[in-house]
PDB file of N, CA and C in Angstrom:
ATOM      1  N   MET A   1       0.846  -1.187   0.000  1.00  0.00           N
ATOM      2  CA  MET A   1       0.000   0.000   0.000  1.00  0.00           C
ATOM      3  C   MET A   1       0.887   1.244   0.000  1.00  0.00           C
ATOM      4  N   SER A   2       0.503   2.235  -0.742  1.00  0.00           N
ATOM      5  CA  SER A   2       1.268   3.469  -0.877  1.00  0.00           C
ATOM      6  C   SER A   2       1.205   4.301   0.394  1.00  0.00           C
ATOM      7  N   LYS A   3       2.332   4.869   0.775  1.00  0.00           N
ATOM      8  CA  LYS A   3       2.390   5.769   1.926  1.00  0.00           C
ATOM      9  C   LYS A   3       1.871   7.150   1.554  1.00  0.00           C
ATOM     10  N   ARG A   4       1.811   7.437   0.288  1.00  0.00           N
ATOM     11  CA  ARG A   4       1.420   8.762  -0.176  1.00  0.00           C
ATOM     12  C   ARG A   4      -0.088   8.783  -0.419  1.00  0.00           C
ATOM     13  N   THR A   5      -0.807   9.222   0.576  1.00  0.00           N
ATOM     14  CA  THR A   5      -2.261   9.222   0.479  1.00  0.00           C
ATOM     15  C   THR A   5      -2.842  10.628   0.394  1.00  0.00           C
ATOM     16  N   ILE A   6      -2.014  11.632   0.582  1.00  0.00           N
ATOM     17  CA  ILE A   6      -2.494  13.012   0.575  1.00  0.00           C
ATOM     18  C   ILE A   6      -2.263  13.624  -0.803  1.00  0.00           C
ATOM     19  N   GLU A   7      -3.310  14.171  -1.350  1.00  0.00           N
ATOM     20  CA  GLU A   7      -3.229  14.817  -2.661  1.00  0.00           C
ATOM     21  C   GLU A   7      -3.344  16.325  -2.465  1.00  0.00           C
ATOM     22  N   ILE A   8      -2.482  17.065  -3.162  1.00  0.00           N
ATOM     23  CA  ILE A   8      -2.501  18.523  -3.070  1.00  0.00           C
ATOM     24  C   ILE A   8      -2.817  19.085  -4.445  1.00  0.00           C
ATOM     25  N   LYS A   9      -3.771  19.983  -4.490  1.00  0.00           N
ATOM     26  CA  LYS A   9      -4.098  20.650  -5.747  1.00  0.00           C
ATOM     27  C   LYS A   9      -3.319  21.959  -5.774  1.00  0.00           C
ATOM     28  N   LEU A  10      -2.664  22.234  -6.873  1.00  0.00           N
ATOM     29  CA  LEU A  10      -1.809  23.409  -6.999  1.00  0.00           C
ATOM     30  C   LEU A  10      -2.134  24.119  -8.298  1.00  0.00           C
ATOM     31  N   ARG A  11      -2.299  25.400  -8.222  1.00  0.00           N
ATOM     32  CA  ARG A  11      -2.559  26.191  -9.429  1.00  0.00           C
ATOM     33  C   ARG A  11      -1.297  26.968  -9.773  1.00  0.00           C
ATOM     34  N   LEU A  12      -0.928  26.935 -11.051  1.00  0.00           N
ATOM     35  CA  LEU A  12       0.248  27.646 -11.545  1.00  0.00           C
ATOM     36  C   LEU A  12      -0.157  28.513 -12.723  1.00  0.00           C
ATOM     37  N   SER A  13       0.599  29.569 -12.934  1.00  0.00           N
ATOM     38  CA  SER A  13       0.399  30.348 -14.152  1.00  0.00           C
ATOM     39  C   SER A  13       0.987  29.540 -15.309  1.00  0.00           C
ATOM     40  N   GLU A  14       0.687  29.932 -16.512  1.00  0.00           N
ATOM     41  CA  GLU A  14       1.225  29.241 -17.695  1.00  0.00           C
ATOM     42  C   GLU A  14       2.751  29.287 -17.683  1.00  0.00           C
ATOM     43  N   ASN A  15       3.324  30.447 -17.345  1.00  0.00           N
ATOM     44  CA  ASN A  15       4.781  30.586 -17.294  1.00  0.00           C
ATOM     45  C   ASN A  15       5.398  29.684 -16.232  1.00  0.00           C
ATOM     46  N   GLU A  16       4.771  29.645 -15.049  1.00  0.00           N
ATOM     47  CA  GLU A  16       5.284  28.766 -13.981  1.00  0.00           C
ATOM     48  C   GLU A  16       5.229  27.311 -14.401  1.00  0.00           C
ATOM     49  N   PHE A  17       4.130  26.925 -15.037  1.00  0.00           N
ATOM     50  CA  PHE A  17       3.967  25.539 -15.489  1.00  0.00           C
ATOM     51  C   PHE A  17       5.008  25.175 -16.548  1.00  0.00           C
ATOM     52  N   GLN A  18       5.242  26.066 -17.494  1.00  0.00           N
ATOM     53  CA  GLN A  18       6.250  25.809 -18.527  1.00  0.00           C
ATOM     54  C   GLN A  18       7.644  25.719 -17.916  1.00  0.00           C
ATOM     55  N   TYR A  19       7.935  26.611 -16.974  1.00  0.00           N
ATOM     56  CA  TYR A  19       9.242  26.583 -16.307  1.00  0.00           C
ATOM     57  C   TYR A  19       9.423  25.267 -15.547  1.00  0.00           C
ATOM     58  N   LEU A  20       8.404  24.859 -14.803  1.00  0.00           N
ATOM     59  CA  LEU A  20       8.467  23.590 -14.072  1.00  0.00           C
ATOM     60  C   LEU A  20       8.707  22.432 -15.033  1.00  0.00           C
ATOM     61  N   ASN A  21       7.985  22.399 -16.127  1.00  0.00           N
ATOM     62  CA  ASN A  21       8.143  21.311 -17.094  1.00  0.00           C
ATOM     63  C   ASN A  21       9.539  21.294 -17.714  1.00  0.00           C
ATOM     64  N   ARG A  22      10.110  22.468 -17.977  1.00  0.00           N
ATOM     65  CA  ARG A  22      11.485  22.517 -18.510  1.00  0.00           C
ATOM     66  C   ARG A  22      12.472  21.945 -17.498  1.00  0.00           C
ATOM     67  N   ARG A  23      12.325  22.335 -16.229  1.00  0.00           N
ATOM     68  CA  ARG A  23      13.226  21.843 -15.183  1.00  0.00           C
ATOM     69  C   ARG A  23      13.069  20.323 -15.003  1.00  0.00           C
ATOM     70  N   VAL A  24      11.831  19.847 -15.050  1.00  0.00           N
ATOM     71  CA  VAL A  24      11.567  18.407 -14.922  1.00  0.00           C
ATOM     72  C   VAL A  24      12.232  17.653 -16.070  1.00  0.00           C
ATOM     73  N   LYS A  25      12.076  18.170 -17.281  1.00  0.00           N
ATOM     74  CA  LYS A  25      12.674  17.512 -18.447  1.00  0.00           C
ATOM     75  C   LYS A  25      14.199  17.470 -18.329  1.00  0.00           C
ATOM     76  N   LYS A  26      14.814  18.575 -17.883  1.00  0.00           N
ATOM     77  CA  LYS A  26      16.267  18.614 -17.732  1.00  0.00           C
ATOM     78  C   LYS A  26      16.761  17.629 -16.684  1.00  0.00           C
ATOM     79  N   SER A  27      15.951  17.401 -15.643  1.00  0.00           N
ATOM     80  CA  SER A  27      16.389  16.529 -14.552  1.00  0.00           C
ATOM     81  C   SER A  27      16.160  15.052 -14.854  1.00  0.00           C
ATOM     82  N   GLY A  28      15.187  14.753 -15.700  1.00  0.00           N
ATOM     83  CA  GLY A  28      14.907  13.353 -16.020  1.00  0.00           C
ATOM     84  C   GLY A  28      14.038  12.651 -14.985  1.00  0.00           C
ATOM     85  N   VAL A  29      13.542  13.369 -13.972  1.00  0.00           N
ATOM     86  CA  VAL A  29      12.646  12.755 -12.989  1.00  0.00           C
ATOM     87  C   VAL A  29      11.215  13.175 -13.300  1.00  0.00           C
ATOM     88  N   SER A  30      10.265  12.513 -12.664  1.00  0.00           N
ATOM     89  CA  SER A  30       8.860  12.876 -12.886  1.00  0.00           C
ATOM     90  C   SER A  30       8.570  14.239 -12.256  1.00  0.00           C
ATOM     91  N   ARG A  31       7.478  14.840 -12.661  1.00  0.00           N
ATOM     92  CA  ARG A  31       7.088  16.129 -12.092  1.00  0.00           C
ATOM     93  C   ARG A  31       6.869  15.981 -10.583  1.00  0.00           C
ATOM     94  N   GLU A  32       6.200  14.904 -10.185  1.00  0.00           N
ATOM     95  CA  GLU A  32       5.946  14.664  -8.765  1.00  0.00           C
ATOM     96  C   GLU A  32       7.259  14.456  -8.008  1.00  0.00           C
ATOM     97  N   GLY A  33       8.161  13.685  -8.616  1.00  0.00           N
ATOM     98  CA  GLY A  33       9.467  13.452  -7.996  1.00  0.00           C
ATOM     99  C   GLY A  33      10.261  14.733  -7.848  1.00  0.00           C
ATOM    100  N   TYR A  34      10.183  15.586  -8.865  1.00  0.00           N
ATOM    101  CA  TYR A  34      10.881  16.870  -8.823  1.00  0.00           C
ATOM    102  C   TYR A  34      10.366  17.713  -7.650  1.00  0.00           C
ATOM    103  N   LEU A  35       9.052  17.791  -7.518  1.00  0.00           N
ATOM    104  CA  LEU A  35       8.464  18.576  -6.429  1.00  0.00           C
ATOM    105  C   LEU A  35       8.798  17.976  -5.059  1.00  0.00           C
ATOM    106  N   ARG A  36       8.835  16.651  -4.965  1.00  0.00           N
ATOM    107  CA  ARG A  36       9.223  16.013  -3.700  1.00  0.00           C
ATOM    108  C   ARG A  36      10.659  16.374  -3.325  1.00  0.00           C
ATOM    109  N   HIS A  37      11.544  16.430  -4.323  1.00  0.00           N
ATOM    110  CA  HIS A  37      12.925  16.864  -4.061  1.00  0.00           C
ATOM    111  C   HIS A  37      12.926  18.274  -3.483  1.00  0.00           C
ATOM    112  N   LEU A  38      12.164  19.170  -4.095  1.00  0.00           N
ATOM    113  CA  LEU A  38      12.119  20.558  -3.635  1.00  0.00           C
ATOM    114  C   LEU A  38      11.585  20.663  -2.207  1.00  0.00           C
ATOM    115  N   ILE A  39      10.601  19.847  -1.882  1.00  0.00           N
ATOM    116  CA  ILE A  39      10.045  19.844  -0.523  1.00  0.00           C
ATOM    117  C   ILE A  39      11.120  19.464   0.493  1.00  0.00           C
ATOM    118  N   ARG A  40      12.039  18.588   0.082  1.00  0.00           N
ATOM    119  CA  ARG A  40      13.139  18.163   0.969  1.00  0.00           C
ATOM    120  C   ARG A  40      14.367  19.060   0.817  1.00  0.00           C
ATOM    121  N   ASP A  41      14.173  20.278   0.300  1.00  0.00           N
ATOM    122  CA  ASP A  41      15.263  21.247   0.123  1.00  0.00           C
ATOM    123  C   ASP A  41      16.376  20.714  -0.775  1.00  0.00           C
ATOM    124  N   ARG A  42      16.014  20.005  -1.793  1.00  0.00           N
ATOM    125  CA  ARG A  42      16.970  19.478  -2.768  1.00  0.00           C
ATOM    126  C   ARG A  42      16.554  19.921  -4.161  1.00  0.00           C
ATOM    127  N   ILE A  43      17.544  20.211  -4.992  1.00  0.00           N
ATOM    128  CA  ILE A  43      17.264  20.523  -6.395  1.00  0.00           C
ATOM    129  C   ILE A  43      17.825  19.369  -7.212  1.00  0.00           C
ATOM    130  N   PRO A  44      16.970  18.639  -7.921  1.00  0.00           N
ATOM    131  CA  PRO A  44      17.476  17.511  -8.712  1.00  0.00           C
ATOM    132  C   PRO A  44      18.487  17.995  -9.748  1.00  0.00           C
ATOM    133  N   PRO A  45      19.606  17.265  -9.898  1.00  0.00           N
ATOM    134  CA  PRO A  45      20.598  17.682 -10.889  1.00  0.00           C
ATOM    135  C   PRO A  45      20.084  17.465 -12.306  1.00  0.00           C
ATOM    136  N   ASP A  46      20.613  18.245 -13.222  1.00  0.00           N
ATOM    137  CA  ASP A  46      20.284  18.043 -14.635  1.00  0.00           C
ATOM    138  C   ASP A  46      20.886  16.726 -15.101  1.00  0.00           C
ATOM    139  N   LEU A  47      20.244  16.137 -16.100  1.00  0.00           N
ATOM    140  CA  LEU A  47      20.817  14.943 -16.718  1.00  0.00           C
ATOM    141  C   LEU A  47      22.185  15.304 -17.296  1.00  0.00           C
ATOM    142  N   PRO A  48      23.134  14.373 -17.267  1.00  0.00           N
ATOM    143  CA  PRO A  48      24.431  14.693 -17.869  1.00  0.00           C
ATOM    144  C   PRO A  48      24.295  14.868 -19.376  1.00  0.00           C
ATOM    145  N   PRO A  49      25.268  15.549 -19.994  1.00  0.00           N
ATOM    146  CA  PRO A  49      25.229  15.734 -21.450  1.00  0.00           C
ATOM    147  C   PRO A  49      25.212  14.376 -22.163  1.00  0.00           C
ATOM    148  N   PRO A  50      24.688  14.335 -23.383  1.00  0.00           N
ATOM    149  CA  PRO A  50      24.570  13.065 -24.111  1.00  0.00           C
ATOM    150  C   PRO A  50      25.884  12.300 -24.260  1.00  0.00           C
ATOM    151  N   ASP A  51      26.997  13.003 -24.425  1.00  0.00           N
ATOM    152  CA  ASP A  51      28.259  12.297 -24.628  1.00  0.00           C
ATOM    153  C   ASP A  51      28.904  11.833 -23.324  1.00  0.00           C
ATOM    154  N   PHE A  52      28.277  12.126 -22.188  1.00  0.00           N
ATOM    155  CA  PHE A  52      28.831  11.741 -20.891  1.00  0.00           C
ATOM    156  C   PHE A  52      28.984  10.227 -20.784  1.00  0.00           C
ATOM    157  N   TYR A  53      27.941   9.481 -21.134  1.00  0.00           N
ATOM    158  CA  TYR A  53      27.983   8.027 -20.965  1.00  0.00           C
ATOM    159  C   TYR A  53      28.958   7.369 -21.937  1.00  0.00           C
ATOM    160  N   ALA A  54      29.068   7.899 -23.143  1.00  0.00           N
ATOM    161  CA  ALA A  54      30.065   7.367 -24.090  1.00  0.00           C
ATOM    162  C   ALA A  54      31.468   7.602 -23.549  1.00  0.00           C
ATOM    163  N   THR A  55      31.692   8.762 -22.981  1.00  0.00           N
ATOM    164  CA  THR A  55      33.004   9.069 -22.410  1.00  0.00           C
ATOM    165  C   THR A  55      33.273   8.181 -21.205  1.00  0.00           C
ATOM    166  N   LEU A  56      32.275   7.948 -20.390  1.00  0.00           N
ATOM    167  CA  LEU A  56      32.431   7.074 -19.235  1.00  0.00           C
ATOM    168  C   LEU A  56      32.781   5.651 -19.672  1.00  0.00           C
ATOM    169  N   ARG A  57      32.142   5.152 -20.726  1.00  0.00           N
ATOM    170  CA  ARG A  57      32.473   3.816 -21.251  1.00  0.00           C
ATOM    171  C   ARG A  57      33.912   3.769 -21.742  1.00  0.00           C
ATOM    172  N   GLU A  58      34.354   4.850 -22.377  1.00  0.00           N
ATOM    173  CA  GLU A  58      35.738   4.906 -22.855  1.00  0.00           C
ATOM    174  C   GLU A  58      36.713   4.876 -21.677  1.00  0.00           C
ATOM    175  N   LEU A  59      36.386   5.570 -20.611  1.00  0.00           N
ATOM    176  CA  LEU A  59      37.239   5.537 -19.414  1.00  0.00           C
ATOM    177  C   LEU A  59      37.296   4.130 -18.808  1.00  0.00           C
ATOM    178  N   GLN A  60      36.165   3.433 -18.823  1.00  0.00           N
ATOM    179  CA  GLN A  60      36.151   2.055 -18.318  1.00  0.00           C
ATOM    180  C   GLN A  60      37.034   1.155 -19.181  1.00  0.00           C
ATOM    181  N   HIS A  61      36.985   1.352 -20.488  1.00  0.00           N
ATOM    182  CA  HIS A  61      37.822   0.579 -21.409  1.00  0.00           C
ATOM    183  C   HIS A  61      39.313   0.839 -21.129  1.00  0.00           C
ATOM    184  N   ILE A  62      39.664   2.100 -20.964  1.00  0.00           N
ATOM    185  CA  ILE A  62      41.054   2.468 -20.674  1.00  0.00           C
ATOM    186  C   ILE A  62      41.483   1.850 -19.344  1.00  0.00           C
ATOM    187  N   SER A  63      40.610   1.900 -18.376  1.00  0.00           N
ATOM    188  CA  SER A  63      40.904   1.337 -17.061  1.00  0.00           C
ATOM    189  C   SER A  63      41.195  -0.159 -17.160  1.00  0.00           C
ATOM    190  N   ARG A  64      40.402  -0.877 -17.947  1.00  0.00           N
ATOM    191  CA  ARG A  64      40.650  -2.315 -18.137  1.00  0.00           C
ATOM    192  C   ARG A  64      41.998  -2.549 -18.813  1.00  0.00           C
ATOM    193  N   ASN A  65      42.308  -1.728 -19.823  1.00  0.00           N
ATOM    194  CA  ASN A  65      43.602  -1.872 -20.504  1.00  0.00           C
ATOM    195  C   ASN A  65      44.761  -1.660 -19.545  1.00  0.00           C
ATOM    196  N   LEU A  66      44.687  -0.605 -18.745  1.00  0.00           N
ATOM    197  CA  LEU A  66      45.764  -0.323 -17.801  1.00  0.00           C
ATOM    198  C   LEU A  66      45.872  -1.426 -16.750  1.00  0.00           C
ATOM    199  N   ASN A  67      44.752  -1.981 -16.347  1.00  0.00           N
ATOM    200  CA  ASN A  67      44.770  -3.085 -15.391  1.00  0.00           C
ATOM    201  C   ASN A  67      45.443  -4.319 -15.995  1.00  0.00           C
ATOM    202  N   GLN A  68      45.167  -4.604 -17.265  1.00  0.00           N
ATOM    203  CA  GLN A  68      45.815  -5.739 -17.939  1.00  0.00           C
ATOM    204  C   GLN A  68      47.322  -5.514 -18.028  1.00  0.00           C
ATOM    205  N   ILE A  69      47.726  -4.290 -18.342  1.00  0.00           N
ATOM    206  CA  ILE A  69      49.153  -3.973 -18.423  1.00  0.00           C
ATOM    207  C   ILE A  69      49.800  -4.163 -17.054  1.00  0.00           C
ATOM    208  N   ALA A  70      49.142  -3.709 -16.011  1.00  0.00           N
ATOM    209  CA  ALA A  70      49.687  -3.845 -14.654  1.00  0.00           C
ATOM    210  C   ALA A  70      49.805  -5.310 -14.256  1.00  0.00           C
ATOM    211  N   ARG A  71      48.796  -6.121 -14.579  1.00  0.00           N
ATOM    212  CA  ARG A  71      48.867  -7.552 -14.241  1.00  0.00           C
ATOM    213  C   ARG A  71      50.002  -8.234 -14.986  1.00  0.00           C
ATOM    214  N   LYS A  72      50.137  -7.915 -16.265  1.00  0.00           N
ATOM    215  CA  LYS A  72      51.217  -8.515 -17.055  1.00  0.00           C
ATOM    216  C   LYS A  72      52.575  -8.062 -16.520  1.00  0.00           C
ATOM    217  N   ALA A  73      52.700  -6.794 -16.168  1.00  0.00           N
ATOM    218  CA  ALA A  73      53.957  -6.275 -15.623  1.00  0.00           C
ATOM    219  C   ALA A  73      54.290  -6.981 -14.321  1.00  0.00           C
ATOM    220  N   HIS A  74      53.306  -7.246 -13.506  1.00  0.00           N
ATOM    221  CA  HIS A  74      53.534  -7.934 -12.237  1.00  0.00           C
ATOM    222  C   HIS A  74      53.974  -9.379 -12.478  1.00  0.00           C
ATOM    223  N   THR A  75      53.358 -10.040 -13.453  1.00  0.00           N
ATOM    224  CA  THR A  75      53.685 -11.432 -13.758  1.00  0.00           C
ATOM    225  C   THR A  75      55.062 -11.560 -14.406  1.00  0.00           C
ATOM    226  N   VAL A  76      55.323 -10.739 -15.413  1.00  0.00           N
ATOM    227  CA  VAL A  76      56.548 -10.837 -16.206  1.00  0.00           C
ATOM    228  C   VAL A  76      57.708 -10.087 -15.555  1.00  0.00           C
ATOM    229  N   GLY A  77      57.387  -9.077 -14.773  1.00  0.00           N
ATOM    230  CA  GLY A  77      58.436  -8.264 -14.164  1.00  0.00           C
ATOM    231  C   GLY A  77      58.896  -7.133 -15.066  1.00  0.00           C
ATOM    232  N   ALA A  78      58.137  -6.872 -16.136  1.00  0.00           N
ATOM    233  CA  ALA A  78      58.465  -5.778 -17.061  1.00  0.00           C
ATOM    234  C   ALA A  78      57.150  -5.175 -17.544  1.00  0.00           C
ATOM    235  N   ILE A  79      57.234  -3.972 -18.091  1.00  0.00           N
ATOM    236  CA  ILE A  79      56.029  -3.278 -18.549  1.00  0.00           C
ATOM    237  C   ILE A  79      56.151  -2.940 -20.034  1.00  0.00           C
ATOM    238  N   ASP A  80      55.040  -3.052 -20.733  1.00  0.00           N
ATOM    239  CA  ASP A  80      54.974  -2.655 -22.142  1.00  0.00           C
ATOM    240  C   ASP A  80      54.814  -1.137 -22.167  1.00  0.00           C
ATOM    241  N   VAL A  81      55.929  -0.430 -22.222  1.00  0.00           N
ATOM    242  CA  VAL A  81      55.946   1.022 -22.092  1.00  0.00           C
ATOM    243  C   VAL A  81      55.121   1.698 -23.186  1.00  0.00           C
ATOM    244  N   GLY A  82      55.231   1.230 -24.411  1.00  0.00           N
ATOM    245  CA  GLY A  82      54.488   1.837 -25.521  1.00  0.00           C
ATOM    246  C   GLY A  82      52.992   1.740 -25.310  1.00  0.00           C
ATOM    247  N   ARG A  83      52.528   0.541 -24.949  1.00  0.00           N
ATOM    248  CA  ARG A  83      51.097   0.339 -24.733  1.00  0.00           C
ATOM    249  C   ARG A  83      50.626   1.160 -23.531  1.00  0.00           C
ATOM    250  N   TYR A  84      51.432   1.201 -22.496  1.00  0.00           N
ATOM    251  CA  TYR A  84      51.079   1.968 -21.307  1.00  0.00           C
ATOM    252  C   TYR A  84      50.970   3.468 -21.638  1.00  0.00           C
ATOM    253  N   ASP A  85      51.983   4.001 -22.307  1.00  0.00           N
ATOM    254  CA  ASP A  85      51.978   5.427 -22.663  1.00  0.00           C
ATOM    255  C   ASP A  85      50.793   5.779 -23.558  1.00  0.00           C
ATOM    256  N   GLU A  86      50.472   4.886 -24.489  1.00  0.00           N
ATOM    257  CA  GLU A  86      49.333   5.114 -25.389  1.00  0.00           C
ATOM    258  C   GLU A  86      48.034   5.195 -24.592  1.00  0.00           C
ATOM    259  N   ASN A  87      47.849   4.285 -23.650  1.00  0.00           N
ATOM    260  CA  ASN A  87      46.626   4.288 -22.844  1.00  0.00           C
ATOM    261  C   ASN A  87      46.558   5.493 -21.913  1.00  0.00           C
ATOM    262  N   VAL A  88      47.673   5.898 -21.367  1.00  0.00           N
ATOM    263  CA  VAL A  88      47.681   7.085 -20.506  1.00  0.00           C
ATOM    264  C   VAL A  88      47.330   8.331 -21.321  1.00  0.00           C
ATOM    265  N   ALA A  89      47.821   8.421 -22.544  1.00  0.00           N
ATOM    266  CA  ALA A  89      47.500   9.571 -23.403  1.00  0.00           C
ATOM    267  C   ALA A  89      46.000   9.596 -23.726  1.00  0.00           C
ATOM    268  N   VAL A  90      45.430   8.430 -24.039  1.00  0.00           N
ATOM    269  CA  VAL A  90      43.994   8.349 -24.320  1.00  0.00           C
ATOM    270  C   VAL A  90      43.202   8.700 -23.065  1.00  0.00           C
ATOM    271  N   LEU A  91      43.669   8.233 -21.922  1.00  0.00           N
ATOM    272  CA  LEU A  91      43.007   8.546 -20.656  1.00  0.00           C
ATOM    273  C   LEU A  91      43.003  10.056 -20.423  1.00  0.00           C
ATOM    274  N   HIS A  92      44.115  10.686 -20.645  1.00  0.00           N
ATOM    275  CA  HIS A  92      44.220  12.131 -20.444  1.00  0.00           C
ATOM    276  C   HIS A  92      43.261  12.894 -21.373  1.00  0.00           C
ATOM    277  N   ARG A  93      43.234  12.512 -22.652  1.00  0.00           N
ATOM    278  CA  ARG A  93      42.329  13.167 -23.613  1.00  0.00           C
ATOM    279  C   ARG A  93      40.864  12.967 -23.201  1.00  0.00           C
ATOM    280  N   THR A  94      40.546  11.755 -22.783  1.00  0.00           N
ATOM    281  CA  THR A  94      39.166  11.443 -22.409  1.00  0.00           C
ATOM    282  C   THR A  94      38.756  12.213 -21.163  1.00  0.00           C
ATOM    283  N   MET A  95      39.652  12.342 -20.219  1.00  0.00           N
ATOM    284  CA  MET A  95      39.352  13.116 -19.014  1.00  0.00           C
ATOM    285  C   MET A  95      39.087  14.573 -19.367  1.00  0.00           C
ATOM    286  N   LEU A  96      39.867  15.125 -20.296  1.00  0.00           N
ATOM    287  CA  LEU A  96      39.642  16.509 -20.729  1.00  0.00           C
ATOM    288  C   LEU A  96      38.279  16.654 -21.411  1.00  0.00           C
ATOM    289  N   GLN A  97      37.907  15.660 -22.229  1.00  0.00           N
ATOM    290  CA  GLN A  97      36.601  15.689 -22.891  1.00  0.00           C
ATOM    291  C   GLN A  97      35.471  15.635 -21.863  1.00  0.00           C
ATOM    292  N   LEU A  98      35.653  14.797 -20.862  1.00  0.00           N
ATOM    293  CA  LEU A  98      34.639  14.666 -19.820  1.00  0.00           C
ATOM    294  C   LEU A  98      34.505  15.978 -19.042  1.00  0.00           C
ATOM    295  N   MET A  99      35.620  16.577 -18.690  1.00  0.00           N
ATOM    296  CA  MET A  99      35.592  17.854 -17.982  1.00  0.00           C
ATOM    297  C   MET A  99      34.882  18.910 -18.840  1.00  0.00           C
ATOM    298  N   ASP A 100      35.181  18.924 -20.135  1.00  0.00           N
ATOM    299  CA  ASP A 100      34.551  19.882 -21.034  1.00  0.00           C
ATOM    300  C   ASP A 100      33.039  19.644 -21.104  1.00  0.00           C
ATOM    301  N   ALA A 101      32.645  18.367 -21.189  1.00  0.00           N
ATOM    302  CA  ALA A 101      31.226  18.031 -21.301  1.00  0.00           C
ATOM    303  C   ALA A 101      30.453  18.430 -20.051  1.00  0.00           C
ATOM    304  N   ILE A 102      31.083  18.322 -18.903  1.00  0.00           N
ATOM    305  CA  ILE A 102      30.381  18.596 -17.658  1.00  0.00           C
ATOM    306  C   ILE A 102      30.472  20.074 -17.264  1.00  0.00           C
ATOM    307  N   MET A 103      31.610  20.688 -17.472  1.00  0.00           N
ATOM    308  CA  MET A 103      31.837  22.019 -16.915  1.00  0.00           C
ATOM    309  C   MET A 103      31.638  23.169 -17.892  1.00  0.00           C
ATOM    310  N   SER A 104      31.550  22.893 -19.175  1.00  0.00           N
ATOM    311  CA  SER A 104      31.383  23.974 -20.134  1.00  0.00           C
ATOM    312  C   SER A 104      29.991  24.584 -20.021  1.00  0.00           C
ATOM    313  N   PRO A 105      29.907  25.889 -20.138  1.00  0.00           N
ATOM    314  CA  PRO A 105      28.587  26.519 -20.093  1.00  0.00           C
ATOM    315  C   PRO A 105      27.710  26.027 -21.250  1.00  0.00           C
ATOM    316  N   ARG A 106      26.455  25.871 -20.968  1.00  0.00           N
ATOM    317  CA  ARG A 106      25.497  25.429 -21.980  1.00  0.00           C
ATOM    318  C   ARG A 106      24.557  26.571 -22.300  1.00  0.00           C
ATOM    319  N   ARG A 107      24.013  26.544 -23.511  1.00  0.00           N
ATOM    320  CA  ARG A 107      23.066  27.546 -23.968  1.00  0.00           C
ATOM    321  C   ARG A 107      21.763  27.434 -23.169  1.00  0.00           C
ATOM    322  N   LEU A 108      21.219  28.545 -22.739  1.00  0.00           N
ATOM    323  CA  LEU A 108      19.920  28.548 -22.065  1.00  0.00           C
ATOM    324  C   LEU A 108      18.824  28.265 -23.077  1.00  0.00           C
ATOM    325  N   GLU A 109      17.773  27.643 -22.624  1.00  0.00           N
ATOM    326  CA  GLU A 109      16.635  27.357 -23.515  1.00  0.00           C
ATOM    327  C   GLU A 109      15.827  28.593 -23.771  1.00  0.00           C
TER     328      GLU A 109
END
């Protein structure tokens, strides 16, 4: 059984309603969920930029590569310097892309 049994009727102006809907869309949560966050003094974060998840997958791939290099280095007692340097360079570029995707100013709607 649902704990939420109280219903509240709320009237908004057209502008307020449009603004609320824009914020809800940016956050990716339901309108009700968004308002519940606000009641708890929280502002739901905006969804990450579209390329965020692709960049995150690339970081996971790089992490696996570096882990394989480390395991091989531990087993053999030597490191594949070329492969390691290549992965570190890709990691650095990807981190910069991620920082740009998250921290760059975005156009207002």
